[in-house]
Amino acid sequence: MLIRYKKAFEKIAMGLLSFMPNEKDLKILQQTMKQYENDDTKQLFLWKDGDDIIGLMGVSFQDNTAKIEHISVNPSHRHQGIGKSMVKAFKEMYPAKELIANENTNSFLQKCDLEDFG
């Protein structure tokens, strides 16, 4: 289930974000978290499976687009379709938004056949 980020989930969100290649440095990671917390056009979403949060998706909203800035799944839960499920759930939450990717998420988003999401 895709849920909105809350401050209570900061440590788990930072852990998941740190799996992104450009977020390995602690200072960069902290800056990224601040951007998501302070910028109204950016939003973090978490993927909850039972009681565990195992995925993260960071999105920046423009007029009629949503750019996926970050997408990460706990390594022990990868290759199970969770990333694709996050994208699908997001698309269901925001059906009017066109999903686009940045240079870090482009290859993943291309693997997700967006035509499947309607």
PDB file of N, CA and C in Angstrom:
ATOM      1  N   MET A   1       0.843  -1.176   0.000  1.00  0.00           N
ATOM      2  CA  MET A   1       0.000   0.000   0.000  1.00  0.00           C
ATOM      3  C   MET A   1       0.887   1.238   0.000  1.00  0.00           C
ATOM      4  N   LEU A   2       0.586   2.178  -0.850  1.00  0.00           N
ATOM      5  CA  LEU A   2       1.341   3.422  -0.965  1.00  0.00           C
ATOM      6  C   LEU A   2       0.784   4.436   0.023  1.00  0.00           C
ATOM      7  N   ILE A   3       1.661   4.941   0.892  1.00  0.00           N
ATOM      8  CA  ILE A   3       1.243   5.935   1.880  1.00  0.00           C
ATOM      9  C   ILE A   3       2.129   7.168   1.764  1.00  0.00           C
ATOM     10  N   ARG A   4       1.609   8.294   2.235  1.00  0.00           N
ATOM     11  CA  ARG A   4       2.399   9.526   2.238  1.00  0.00           C
ATOM     12  C   ARG A   4       3.411   9.481   3.378  1.00  0.00           C
ATOM     13  N   TYR A   5       4.560  10.061   3.120  1.00  0.00           N
ATOM     14  CA  TYR A   5       5.620  10.154   4.117  1.00  0.00           C
ATOM     15  C   TYR A   5       5.167  11.003   5.303  1.00  0.00           C
ATOM     16  N   LYS A   6       5.542  10.555   6.504  1.00  0.00           N
ATOM     17  CA  LYS A   6       5.372  11.343   7.726  1.00  0.00           C
ATOM     18  C   LYS A   6       6.723  11.399   8.423  1.00  0.00           C
ATOM     19  N   LYS A   7       6.941  12.455   9.184  1.00  0.00           N
ATOM     20  CA  LYS A   7       8.216  12.657   9.888  1.00  0.00           C
ATOM     21  C   LYS A   7       8.586  11.436  10.739  1.00  0.00           C
ATOM     22  N   ALA A   8       7.603  10.724  11.266  1.00  0.00           N
ATOM     23  CA  ALA A   8       7.860   9.539  12.093  1.00  0.00           C
ATOM     24  C   ALA A   8       8.611   8.454  11.321  1.00  0.00           C
ATOM     25  N   PHE A   9       8.533   8.495   9.999  1.00  0.00           N
ATOM     26  CA  PHE A   9       9.193   7.489   9.153  1.00  0.00           C
ATOM     27  C   PHE A   9      10.535   7.988   8.599  1.00  0.00           C
ATOM     28  N   GLU A  10      11.085   9.055   9.180  1.00  0.00           N
ATOM     29  CA  GLU A  10      12.281   9.677   8.610  1.00  0.00           C
ATOM     30  C   GLU A  10      13.458   8.709   8.486  1.00  0.00           C
ATOM     31  N   LYS A  11      13.742   7.950   9.531  1.00  0.00           N
ATOM     32  CA  LYS A  11      14.909   7.053   9.488  1.00  0.00           C
ATOM     33  C   LYS A  11      14.766   5.973   8.424  1.00  0.00           C
ATOM     34  N   ILE A  12      13.596   5.368   8.340  1.00  0.00           N
ATOM     35  CA  ILE A  12      13.390   4.323   7.321  1.00  0.00           C
ATOM     36  C   ILE A  12      13.433   4.941   5.928  1.00  0.00           C
ATOM     37  N   ALA A  13      12.869   6.138   5.782  1.00  0.00           N
ATOM     38  CA  ALA A  13      12.902   6.812   4.475  1.00  0.00           C
ATOM     39  C   ALA A  13      14.342   7.128   4.077  1.00  0.00           C
ATOM     40  N   MET A  14      15.138   7.602   5.014  1.00  0.00           N
ATOM     41  CA  MET A  14      16.537   7.898   4.708  1.00  0.00           C
ATOM     42  C   MET A  14      17.286   6.620   4.343  1.00  0.00           C
ATOM     43  N   GLY A  15      16.983   5.541   5.036  1.00  0.00           N
ATOM     44  CA  GLY A  15      17.619   4.266   4.716  1.00  0.00           C
ATOM     45  C   GLY A  15      17.296   3.816   3.307  1.00  0.00           C
ATOM     46  N   LEU A  16      16.032   3.917   2.932  1.00  0.00           N
ATOM     47  CA  LEU A  16      15.626   3.522   1.580  1.00  0.00           C
ATOM     48  C   LEU A  16      16.217   4.452   0.523  1.00  0.00           C
ATOM     49  N   LEU A  17      16.223   5.754   0.816  1.00  0.00           N
ATOM     50  CA  LEU A  17      16.808   6.715  -0.129  1.00  0.00           C
ATOM     51  C   LEU A  17      18.296   6.460  -0.333  1.00  0.00           C
ATOM     52  N   SER A  18      18.972   5.979   0.708  1.00  0.00           N
ATOM     53  CA  SER A  18      20.423   5.778   0.614  1.00  0.00           C
ATOM     54  C   SER A  18      20.787   4.676  -0.372  1.00  0.00           C
ATOM     55  N   PHE A  19      19.811   3.878  -0.813  1.00  0.00           N
ATOM     56  CA  PHE A  19      20.079   2.864  -1.837  1.00  0.00           C
ATOM     57  C   PHE A  19      20.184   3.469  -3.225  1.00  0.00           C
ATOM     58  N   MET A  20      19.735   4.718  -3.383  1.00  0.00           N
ATOM     59  CA  MET A  20      19.862   5.406  -4.669  1.00  0.00           C
ATOM     60  C   MET A  20      21.326   5.795  -4.859  1.00  0.00           C
ATOM     61  N   PRO A  21      21.886   5.596  -6.056  1.00  0.00           N
ATOM     62  CA  PRO A  21      23.321   5.851  -6.273  1.00  0.00           C
ATOM     63  C   PRO A  21      23.786   7.256  -5.879  1.00  0.00           C
ATOM     64  N   ASN A  22      22.962   8.274  -6.120  1.00  0.00           N
ATOM     65  CA  ASN A  22      23.375   9.650  -5.845  1.00  0.00           C
ATOM     66  C   ASN A  22      23.116  10.088  -4.407  1.00  0.00           C
ATOM     67  N   GLU A  23      22.583   9.200  -3.575  1.00  0.00           N
ATOM     68  CA  GLU A  23      22.201   9.568  -2.211  1.00  0.00           C
ATOM     69  C   GLU A  23      23.042   8.850  -1.156  1.00  0.00           C
ATOM     70  N   LYS A  24      24.190   8.345  -1.539  1.00  0.00           N
ATOM     71  CA  LYS A  24      25.017   7.579  -0.603  1.00  0.00           C
ATOM     72  C   LYS A  24      25.677   8.468   0.459  1.00  0.00           C
ATOM     73  N   ASP A  25      26.043   9.693   0.097  1.00  0.00           N
ATOM     74  CA  ASP A  25      26.681  10.622   1.022  1.00  0.00           C
ATOM     75  C   ASP A  25      25.649  11.180   2.010  1.00  0.00           C
ATOM     76  N   LEU A  26      25.971  11.166   3.302  1.00  0.00           N
ATOM     77  CA  LEU A  26      25.016  11.576   4.334  1.00  0.00           C
ATOM     78  C   LEU A  26      24.549  13.016   4.162  1.00  0.00           C
ATOM     79  N   LYS A  27      25.462  13.927   3.815  1.00  0.00           N
ATOM     80  CA  LYS A  27      25.071  15.334   3.647  1.00  0.00           C
ATOM     81  C   LYS A  27      24.082  15.496   2.485  1.00  0.00           C
ATOM     82  N   ILE A  28      24.332  14.813   1.391  1.00  0.00           N
ATOM     83  CA  ILE A  28      23.420  14.873   0.244  1.00  0.00           C
ATOM     84  C   ILE A  28      22.071  14.271   0.629  1.00  0.00           C
ATOM     85  N   LEU A  29      22.110  13.157   1.333  1.00  0.00           N
ATOM     86  CA  LEU A  29      20.887  12.491   1.777  1.00  0.00           C
ATOM     87  C   LEU A  29      20.061  13.413   2.679  1.00  0.00           C
ATOM     88  N   GLN A  30      20.719  14.097   3.608  1.00  0.00           N
ATOM     89  CA  GLN A  30      20.010  15.019   4.495  1.00  0.00           C
ATOM     90  C   GLN A  30      19.409  16.185   3.720  1.00  0.00           C
ATOM     91  N   GLN A  31      20.146  16.697   2.722  1.00  0.00           N
ATOM     92  CA  GLN A  31      19.616  17.781   1.883  1.00  0.00           C
ATOM     93  C   GLN A  31      18.377  17.317   1.121  1.00  0.00           C
ATOM     94  N   THR A  32      18.432  16.105   0.587  1.00  0.00           N
ATOM     95  CA  THR A  32      17.296  15.559  -0.157  1.00  0.00           C
ATOM     96  C   THR A  32      16.072  15.444   0.752  1.00  0.00           C
ATOM     97  N   MET A  33      16.280  14.943   1.959  1.00  0.00           N
ATOM     98  CA  MET A  33      15.158  14.810   2.905  1.00  0.00           C
ATOM     99  C   MET A  33      14.561  16.187   3.218  1.00  0.00           C
ATOM    100  N   LYS A  34      15.423  17.196   3.410  1.00  0.00           N
ATOM    101  CA  LYS A  34      14.934  18.550   3.695  1.00  0.00           C
ATOM    102  C   LYS A  34      14.101  19.078   2.533  1.00  0.00           C
ATOM    103  N   GLN A  35      14.558  18.803   1.293  1.00  0.00           N
ATOM    104  CA  GLN A  35      13.799  19.257   0.126  1.00  0.00           C
ATOM    105  C   GLN A  35      12.398  18.650   0.137  1.00  0.00           C
ATOM    106  N   TYR A  36      12.310  17.352   0.402  1.00  0.00           N
ATOM    107  CA  TYR A  36      10.997  16.713   0.419  1.00  0.00           C
ATOM    108  C   TYR A  36      10.122  17.233   1.556  1.00  0.00           C
ATOM    109  N   GLU A  37      10.741  17.583   2.679  1.00  0.00           N
ATOM    110  CA  GLU A  37       9.964  18.064   3.819  1.00  0.00           C
ATOM    111  C   GLU A  37       9.533  19.520   3.665  1.00  0.00           C
ATOM    112  N   ASN A  38      10.332  20.331   2.956  1.00  0.00           N
ATOM    113  CA  ASN A  38      10.075  21.770   2.907  1.00  0.00           C
ATOM    114  C   ASN A  38       9.498  22.291   1.603  1.00  0.00           C
ATOM    115  N   ASP A  39       9.616  21.539   0.529  1.00  0.00           N
ATOM    116  CA  ASP A  39       9.156  21.992  -0.780  1.00  0.00           C
ATOM    117  C   ASP A  39       7.766  21.413  -1.054  1.00  0.00           C
ATOM    118  N   ASP A  40       6.793  22.300  -1.208  1.00  0.00           N
ATOM    119  CA  ASP A  40       5.408  21.867  -1.418  1.00  0.00           C
ATOM    120  C   ASP A  40       5.198  21.135  -2.738  1.00  0.00           C
ATOM    121  N   THR A  41       6.140  21.267  -3.680  1.00  0.00           N
ATOM    122  CA  THR A  41       5.971  20.584  -4.967  1.00  0.00           C
ATOM    123  C   THR A  41       6.570  19.181  -4.950  1.00  0.00           C
ATOM    124  N   LYS A  42       7.211  18.807  -3.838  1.00  0.00           N
ATOM    125  CA  LYS A  42       7.835  17.480  -3.735  1.00  0.00           C
ATOM    126  C   LYS A  42       7.137  16.667  -2.659  1.00  0.00           C
ATOM    127  N   GLN A  43       7.022  15.368  -2.902  1.00  0.00           N
ATOM    128  CA  GLN A  43       6.342  14.493  -1.942  1.00  0.00           C
ATOM    129  C   GLN A  43       7.009  13.123  -1.945  1.00  0.00           C
ATOM    130  N   LEU A  44       7.235  12.591  -0.754  1.00  0.00           N
ATOM    131  CA  LEU A  44       7.713  11.218  -0.610  1.00  0.00           C
ATOM    132  C   LEU A  44       6.534  10.305  -0.339  1.00  0.00           C
ATOM    133  N   PHE A  45       6.586   9.135  -0.919  1.00  0.00           N
ATOM    134  CA  PHE A  45       5.600   8.094  -0.670  1.00  0.00           C
ATOM    135  C   PHE A  45       6.348   6.851  -0.219  1.00  0.00           C
ATOM    136  N   LEU A  46       5.740   6.094   0.662  1.00  0.00           N
ATOM    137  CA  LEU A  46       6.346   4.871   1.171  1.00  0.00           C
ATOM    138  C   LEU A  46       5.461   3.696   0.821  1.00  0.00           C
ATOM    139  N   TRP A  47       6.073   2.553   0.569  1.00  0.00           N
ATOM    140  CA  TRP A  47       5.336   1.329   0.270  1.00  0.00           C
ATOM    141  C   TRP A  47       5.340   0.469   1.521  1.00  0.00           C
ATOM    142  N   LYS A  48       4.135   0.211   2.026  1.00  0.00           N
ATOM    143  CA  LYS A  48       3.978  -0.552   3.255  1.00  0.00           C
ATOM    144  C   LYS A  48       3.450  -1.934   2.917  1.00  0.00           C
ATOM    145  N   ASP A  49       4.132  -2.942   3.423  1.00  0.00           N
ATOM    146  CA  ASP A  49       3.733  -4.332   3.236  1.00  0.00           C
ATOM    147  C   ASP A  49       3.531  -4.909   4.625  1.00  0.00           C
ATOM    148  N   GLY A  50       2.276  -5.044   5.036  1.00  0.00           N
ATOM    149  CA  GLY A  50       1.992  -5.432   6.415  1.00  0.00           C
ATOM    150  C   GLY A  50       2.437  -4.316   7.336  1.00  0.00           C
ATOM    151  N   ASP A  51       3.322  -4.635   8.288  1.00  0.00           N
ATOM    152  CA  ASP A  51       3.840  -3.621   9.209  1.00  0.00           C
ATOM    153  C   ASP A  51       5.154  -3.018   8.729  1.00  0.00           C
ATOM    154  N   ASP A  52       5.703  -3.540   7.642  1.00  0.00           N
ATOM    155  CA  ASP A  52       7.021  -3.122   7.185  1.00  0.00           C
ATOM    156  C   ASP A  52       6.943  -2.118   6.043  1.00  0.00           C
ATOM    157  N   ILE A  53       7.805  -1.124   6.101  1.00  0.00           N
ATOM    158  CA  ILE A  53       7.958  -0.183   4.996  1.00  0.00           C
ATOM    159  C   ILE A  53       9.155  -0.663   4.195  1.00  0.00           C
ATOM    160  N   ILE A  54       8.904  -1.045   2.942  1.00  0.00           N
ATOM    161  CA  ILE A  54       9.958  -1.687   2.151  1.00  0.00           C
ATOM    162  C   ILE A  54      10.289  -0.944   0.859  1.00  0.00           C
ATOM    163  N   GLY A  55       9.580   0.151   0.590  1.00  0.00           N
ATOM    164  CA  GLY A  55       9.837   0.896  -0.629  1.00  0.00           C
ATOM    165  C   GLY A  55       9.591   2.378  -0.444  1.00  0.00           C
ATOM    166  N   LEU A  56      10.191   3.166  -1.336  1.00  0.00           N
ATOM    167  CA  LEU A  56      10.071   4.614  -1.283  1.00  0.00           C
ATOM    168  C   LEU A  56      10.017   5.159  -2.698  1.00  0.00           C
ATOM    169  N   MET A  57       9.214   6.191  -2.867  1.00  0.00           N
ATOM    170  CA  MET A  57       9.115   6.863  -4.152  1.00  0.00           C
ATOM    171  C   MET A  57       9.047   8.357  -3.883  1.00  0.00           C
ATOM    172  N   GLY A  58       9.948   9.115  -4.487  1.00  0.00           N
ATOM    173  CA  GLY A  58       9.958  10.558  -4.352  1.00  0.00           C
ATOM    174  C   GLY A  58       9.512  11.204  -5.652  1.00  0.00           C
ATOM    175  N   VAL A  59       8.562  12.120  -5.541  1.00  0.00           N
ATOM    176  CA  VAL A  59       7.941  12.711  -6.728  1.00  0.00           C
ATOM    177  C   VAL A  59       7.963  14.230  -6.617  1.00  0.00           C
ATOM    178  N   SER A  60       8.227  14.894  -7.744  1.00  0.00           N
ATOM    179  CA  SER A  60       8.042  16.346  -7.801  1.00  0.00           C
ATOM    180  C   SER A  60       6.900  16.613  -8.772  1.00  0.00           C
ATOM    181  N   PHE A  61       5.997  17.453  -8.330  1.00  0.00           N
ATOM    182  CA  PHE A  61       4.801  17.764  -9.102  1.00  0.00           C
ATOM    183  C   PHE A  61       4.993  19.062  -9.871  1.00  0.00           C
ATOM    184  N   GLN A  62       4.668  19.029 -11.163  1.00  0.00           N
ATOM    185  CA  GLN A  62       4.553  20.235 -11.963  1.00  0.00           C
ATOM    186  C   GLN A  62       3.085  20.303 -12.379  1.00  0.00           C
ATOM    187  N   ASP A  63       2.744  21.202 -13.260  1.00  0.00           N
ATOM    188  CA  ASP A  63       1.342  21.419 -13.627  1.00  0.00           C
ATOM    189  C   ASP A  63       0.557  20.121 -13.818  1.00  0.00           C
ATOM    190  N   ASN A  64       0.790  19.435 -14.909  1.00  0.00           N
ATOM    191  CA  ASN A  64       0.039  18.201 -15.162  1.00  0.00           C
ATOM    192  C   ASN A  64       0.964  16.990 -15.237  1.00  0.00           C
ATOM    193  N   THR A  65       2.171  17.143 -14.673  1.00  0.00           N
ATOM    194  CA  THR A  65       3.111  16.025 -14.660  1.00  0.00           C
ATOM    195  C   THR A  65       3.565  15.725 -13.237  1.00  0.00           C
ATOM    196  N   ALA A  66       4.030  14.516 -13.063  1.00  0.00           N
ATOM    197  CA  ALA A  66       4.651  14.091 -11.818  1.00  0.00           C
ATOM    198  C   ALA A  66       5.962  13.419 -12.203  1.00  0.00           C
ATOM    199  N   LYS A  67       7.061  14.016 -11.768  1.00  0.00           N
ATOM    200  CA  LYS A  67       8.375  13.477 -12.104  1.00  0.00           C
ATOM    201  C   LYS A  67       8.853  12.577 -10.961  1.00  0.00           C
ATOM    202  N   ILE A  68       9.129  11.328 -11.296  1.00  0.00           N
ATOM    203  CA  ILE A  68       9.660  10.404 -10.297  1.00  0.00           C
ATOM    204  C   ILE A  68      11.147  10.711 -10.142  1.00  0.00           C
ATOM    205  N   GLU A  69      11.490  11.280  -8.996  1.00  0.00           N
ATOM    206  CA  GLU A  69      12.864  11.681  -8.704  1.00  0.00           C
ATOM    207  C   GLU A  69      13.653  10.523  -8.071  1.00  0.00           C
ATOM    208  N   HIS A  70      12.992   9.759  -7.227  1.00  0.00           N
ATOM    209  CA  HIS A  70      13.632   8.651  -6.515  1.00  0.00           C
ATOM    210  C   HIS A  70      12.668   7.465  -6.471  1.00  0.00           C
ATOM    211  N   ILE A  71      13.215   6.286  -6.605  1.00  0.00           N
ATOM    212  CA  ILE A  71      12.430   5.071  -6.372  1.00  0.00           C
ATOM    213  C   ILE A  71      13.397   4.019  -5.844  1.00  0.00           C
ATOM    214  N   SER A  72      13.031   3.419  -4.735  1.00  0.00           N
ATOM    215  CA  SER A  72      13.941   2.497  -4.070  1.00  0.00           C
ATOM    216  C   SER A  72      13.153   1.427  -3.341  1.00  0.00           C
ATOM    217  N   VAL A  73      13.677   0.212  -3.390  1.00  0.00           N
ATOM    218  CA  VAL A  73      13.069  -0.917  -2.679  1.00  0.00           C
ATOM    219  C   VAL A  73      14.159  -1.573  -1.835  1.00  0.00           C
ATOM    220  N   ASN A  74      13.802  -1.958  -0.634  1.00  0.00           N
ATOM    221  CA  ASN A  74      14.727  -2.674   0.244  1.00  0.00           C
ATOM    222  C   ASN A  74      15.321  -3.848  -0.531  1.00  0.00           C
ATOM    223  N   PRO A  75      16.651  -3.992  -0.537  1.00  0.00           N
ATOM    224  CA  PRO A  75      17.286  -5.050  -1.340  1.00  0.00           C
ATOM    225  C   PRO A  75      16.736  -6.459  -1.090  1.00  0.00           C
ATOM    226  N   SER A  76      16.298  -6.754   0.115  1.00  0.00           N
ATOM    227  CA  SER A  76      15.782  -8.100   0.376  1.00  0.00           C
ATOM    228  C   SER A  76      14.378  -8.315  -0.194  1.00  0.00           C
ATOM    229  N   HIS A  77      13.782  -7.262  -0.750  1.00  0.00           N
ATOM    230  CA  HIS A  77      12.441  -7.363  -1.339  1.00  0.00           C
ATOM    231  C   HIS A  77      12.437  -7.043  -2.832  1.00  0.00           C
ATOM    232  N   ARG A  78      13.608  -6.956  -3.435  1.00  0.00           N
ATOM    233  CA  ARG A  78      13.681  -6.595  -4.855  1.00  0.00           C
ATOM    234  C   ARG A  78      13.297  -7.772  -5.749  1.00  0.00           C
ATOM    235  N   HIS A  79      13.013  -7.453  -6.992  1.00  0.00           N
ATOM    236  CA  HIS A  79      12.644  -8.438  -8.027  1.00  0.00           C
ATOM    237  C   HIS A  79      11.334  -9.148  -7.693  1.00  0.00           C
ATOM    238  N   GLN A  80      10.436  -8.437  -7.003  1.00  0.00           N
ATOM    239  CA  GLN A  80       9.114  -8.976  -6.674  1.00  0.00           C
ATOM    240  C   GLN A  80       8.011  -8.087  -7.224  1.00  0.00           C
ATOM    241  N   GLY A  81       8.377  -7.096  -8.035  1.00  0.00           N
ATOM    242  CA  GLY A  81       7.372  -6.216  -8.634  1.00  0.00           C
ATOM    243  C   GLY A  81       6.929  -5.069  -7.748  1.00  0.00           C
ATOM    244  N   ILE A  82       7.640  -4.823  -6.647  1.00  0.00           N
ATOM    245  CA  ILE A  82       7.226  -3.775  -5.705  1.00  0.00           C
ATOM    246  C   ILE A  82       7.369  -2.391  -6.321  1.00  0.00           C
ATOM    247  N   GLY A  83       8.472  -2.140  -7.012  1.00  0.00           N
ATOM    248  CA  GLY A  83       8.654  -0.840  -7.666  1.00  0.00           C
ATOM    249  C   GLY A  83       7.538  -0.556  -8.654  1.00  0.00           C
ATOM    250  N   LYS A  84       7.217  -1.548  -9.457  1.00  0.00           N
ATOM    251  CA  LYS A  84       6.139  -1.399 -10.424  1.00  0.00           C
ATOM    252  C   LYS A  84       4.796  -1.195  -9.713  1.00  0.00           C
ATOM    253  N   SER A  85       4.592  -1.895  -8.596  1.00  0.00           N
ATOM    254  CA  SER A  85       3.360  -1.720  -7.814  1.00  0.00           C
ATOM    255  C   SER A  85       3.262  -0.309  -7.254  1.00  0.00           C
ATOM    256  N   MET A  86       4.405   0.260  -6.845  1.00  0.00           N
ATOM    257  CA  MET A  86       4.397   1.638  -6.341  1.00  0.00           C
ATOM    258  C   MET A  86       3.983   2.604  -7.445  1.00  0.00           C
ATOM    259  N   VAL A  87       4.547   2.416  -8.632  1.00  0.00           N
ATOM    260  CA  VAL A  87       4.214   3.294  -9.760  1.00  0.00           C
ATOM    261  C   VAL A  87       2.724   3.154 -10.098  1.00  0.00           C
ATOM    262  N   LYS A  88       2.230   1.936 -10.112  1.00  0.00           N
ATOM    263  CA  LYS A  88       0.818   1.702 -10.425  1.00  0.00           C
ATOM    264  C   LYS A  88      -0.089   2.352  -9.382  1.00  0.00           C
ATOM    265  N   ALA A  89       0.240   2.183  -8.098  1.00  0.00           N
ATOM    266  CA  ALA A  89      -0.576   2.777  -7.029  1.00  0.00           C
ATOM    267  C   ALA A  89      -0.539   4.307  -7.111  1.00  0.00           C
ATOM    268  N   PHE A  90       0.618   4.857  -7.437  1.00  0.00           N
ATOM    269  CA  PHE A  90       0.721   6.306  -7.589  1.00  0.00           C
ATOM    270  C   PHE A  90      -0.165   6.775  -8.737  1.00  0.00           C
ATOM    271  N   LYS A  91      -0.104   6.053  -9.849  1.00  0.00           N
ATOM    272  CA  LYS A  91      -0.912   6.415 -11.020  1.00  0.00           C
ATOM    273  C   LYS A  91      -2.408   6.356 -10.686  1.00  0.00           C
ATOM    274  N   GLU A  92      -2.799   5.417  -9.826  1.00  0.00           N
ATOM    275  CA  GLU A  92      -4.204   5.332  -9.405  1.00  0.00           C
ATOM    276  C   GLU A  92      -4.581   6.508  -8.501  1.00  0.00           C
ATOM    277  N   MET A  93      -3.620   6.983  -7.689  1.00  0.00           N
ATOM    278  CA  MET A  93      -3.878   8.130  -6.807  1.00  0.00           C
ATOM    279  C   MET A  93      -3.978   9.434  -7.592  1.00  0.00           C
ATOM    280  N   TYR A  94      -3.204   9.534  -8.658  1.00  0.00           N
ATOM    281  CA  TYR A  94      -3.110  10.765  -9.461  1.00  0.00           C
ATOM    282  C   TYR A  94      -3.310  10.440 -10.943  1.00  0.00           C
ATOM    283  N   PRO A  95      -4.515  10.007 -11.321  1.00  0.00           N
ATOM    284  CA  PRO A  95      -4.726   9.568 -12.713  1.00  0.00           C
ATOM    285  C   PRO A  95      -4.548  10.673 -13.755  1.00  0.00           C
ATOM    286  N   ALA A  96      -4.704  11.919 -13.378  1.00  0.00           N
ATOM    287  CA  ALA A  96      -4.595  13.008 -14.346  1.00  0.00           C
ATOM    288  C   ALA A  96      -3.143  13.420 -14.594  1.00  0.00           C
ATOM    289  N   LYS A  97      -2.230  12.955 -13.763  1.00  0.00           N
ATOM    290  CA  LYS A  97      -0.822  13.344 -13.900  1.00  0.00           C
ATOM    291  C   LYS A  97      -0.093  12.436 -14.885  1.00  0.00           C
ATOM    292  N   GLU A  98       0.666  13.059 -15.780  1.00  0.00           N
ATOM    293  CA  GLU A  98       1.533  12.299 -16.669  1.00  0.00           C
ATOM    294  C   GLU A  98       2.815  11.996 -15.906  1.00  0.00           C
ATOM    295  N   LEU A  99       3.192  10.726 -15.857  1.00  0.00           N
ATOM    296  CA  LEU A  99       4.411  10.333 -15.164  1.00  0.00           C
ATOM    297  C   LEU A  99       5.620  10.519 -16.070  1.00  0.00           C
ATOM    298  N   ILE A 100       6.624  11.194 -15.539  1.00  0.00           N
ATOM    299  CA  ILE A 100       7.885  11.337 -16.244  1.00  0.00           C
ATOM    300  C   ILE A 100       9.003  10.951 -15.287  1.00  0.00           C
ATOM    301  N   ALA A 101      10.183  10.743 -15.826  1.00  0.00           N
ATOM    302  CA  ALA A 101      11.316  10.310 -15.007  1.00  0.00           C
ATOM    303  C   ALA A 101      12.440  11.327 -15.097  1.00  0.00           C
ATOM    304  N   ASN A 102      13.364  11.226 -14.162  1.00  0.00           N
ATOM    305  CA  ASN A 102      14.612  11.984 -14.291  1.00  0.00           C
ATOM    306  C   ASN A 102      15.701  11.008 -14.741  1.00  0.00           C
ATOM    307  N   GLU A 103      16.943  11.474 -14.801  1.00  0.00           N
ATOM    308  CA  GLU A 103      18.010  10.609 -15.309  1.00  0.00           C
ATOM    309  C   GLU A 103      18.251   9.393 -14.414  1.00  0.00           C
ATOM    310  N   ASN A 104      17.912   9.494 -13.122  1.00  0.00           N
ATOM    311  CA  ASN A 104      18.133   8.376 -12.198  1.00  0.00           C
ATOM    312  C   ASN A 104      17.023   7.332 -12.232  1.00  0.00           C
ATOM    313  N   THR A 105      15.835   7.731 -12.645  1.00  0.00           N
ATOM    314  CA  THR A 105      14.698   6.803 -12.613  1.00  0.00           C
ATOM    315  C   THR A 105      14.218   6.416 -14.006  1.00  0.00           C
ATOM    316  N   ASN A 106      14.812   6.994 -15.036  1.00  0.00           N
ATOM    317  CA  ASN A 106      14.360   6.768 -16.406  1.00  0.00           C
ATOM    318  C   ASN A 106      14.401   5.298 -16.808  1.00  0.00           C
ATOM    319  N   SER A 107      15.513   4.617 -16.542  1.00  0.00           N
ATOM    320  CA  SER A 107      15.619   3.220 -16.987  1.00  0.00           C
ATOM    321  C   SER A 107      14.582   2.349 -16.277  1.00  0.00           C
ATOM    322  N   PHE A 108      14.328   2.632 -14.993  1.00  0.00           N
ATOM    323  CA  PHE A 108      13.307   1.854 -14.285  1.00  0.00           C
ATOM    324  C   PHE A 108      11.919   2.129 -14.854  1.00  0.00           C
ATOM    325  N   LEU A 109      11.601   3.398 -15.069  1.00  0.00           N
ATOM    326  CA  LEU A 109      10.266   3.748 -15.561  1.00  0.00           C
ATOM    327  C   LEU A 109      10.026   3.169 -16.947  1.00  0.00           C
ATOM    328  N   GLN A 110      11.083   3.070 -17.758  1.00  0.00           N
ATOM    329  CA  GLN A 110      10.932   2.456 -19.075  1.00  0.00           C
ATOM    330  C   GLN A 110      10.573   0.970 -18.953  1.00  0.00           C
ATOM    331  N   LYS A 111      11.079   0.313 -17.914  1.00  0.00           N
ATOM    332  CA  LYS A 111      10.741  -1.107 -17.695  1.00  0.00           C
ATOM    333  C   LYS A 111       9.281  -1.276 -17.303  1.00  0.00           C
ATOM    334  N   CYS A 112       8.733  -0.277 -16.631  1.00  0.00           N
ATOM    335  CA  CYS A 112       7.315  -0.303 -16.263  1.00  0.00           C
ATOM    336  C   CYS A 112       6.536   0.129 -17.489  1.00  0.00           C
ATOM    337  N   ASP A 113       5.763  -0.760 -18.039  1.00  0.00           N
ATOM    338  CA  ASP A 113       4.969  -0.396 -19.216  1.00  0.00           C
ATOM    339  C   ASP A 113       3.798   0.444 -18.746  1.00  0.00           C
ATOM    340  N   LEU A 114       3.912   1.768 -18.885  1.00  0.00           N
ATOM    341  CA  LEU A 114       2.886   2.667 -18.370  1.00  0.00           C
ATOM    342  C   LEU A 114       1.543   2.461 -19.054  1.00  0.00           C
ATOM    343  N   GLU A 115       1.545   1.832 -20.208  1.00  0.00           N
ATOM    344  CA  GLU A 115       0.272   1.535 -20.873  1.00  0.00           C
ATOM    345  C   GLU A 115      -0.551   0.572 -20.011  1.00  0.00           C
ATOM    346  N   ASP A 116       0.113  -0.253 -19.225  1.00  0.00           N
ATOM    347  CA  ASP A 116      -0.597  -1.184 -18.344  1.00  0.00           C
ATOM    348  C   ASP A 116      -1.396  -0.457 -17.266  1.00  0.00           C
ATOM    349  N   PHE A 117      -1.026   0.796 -16.982  1.00  0.00           N
ATOM    350  CA  PHE A 117      -1.633   1.505 -15.868  1.00  0.00           C
ATOM    351  C   PHE A 117      -2.828   2.374 -16.294  1.00  0.00           C
ATOM    352  N   GLY A 118      -3.132   2.363 -17.540  1.00  0.00           N
ATOM    353  CA  GLY A 118      -4.299   3.103 -18.006  1.00  0.00           C
ATOM    354  C   GLY A 118      -4.112   4.553 -18.184  1.00  0.00           C
TER     355      GLY A 118
END
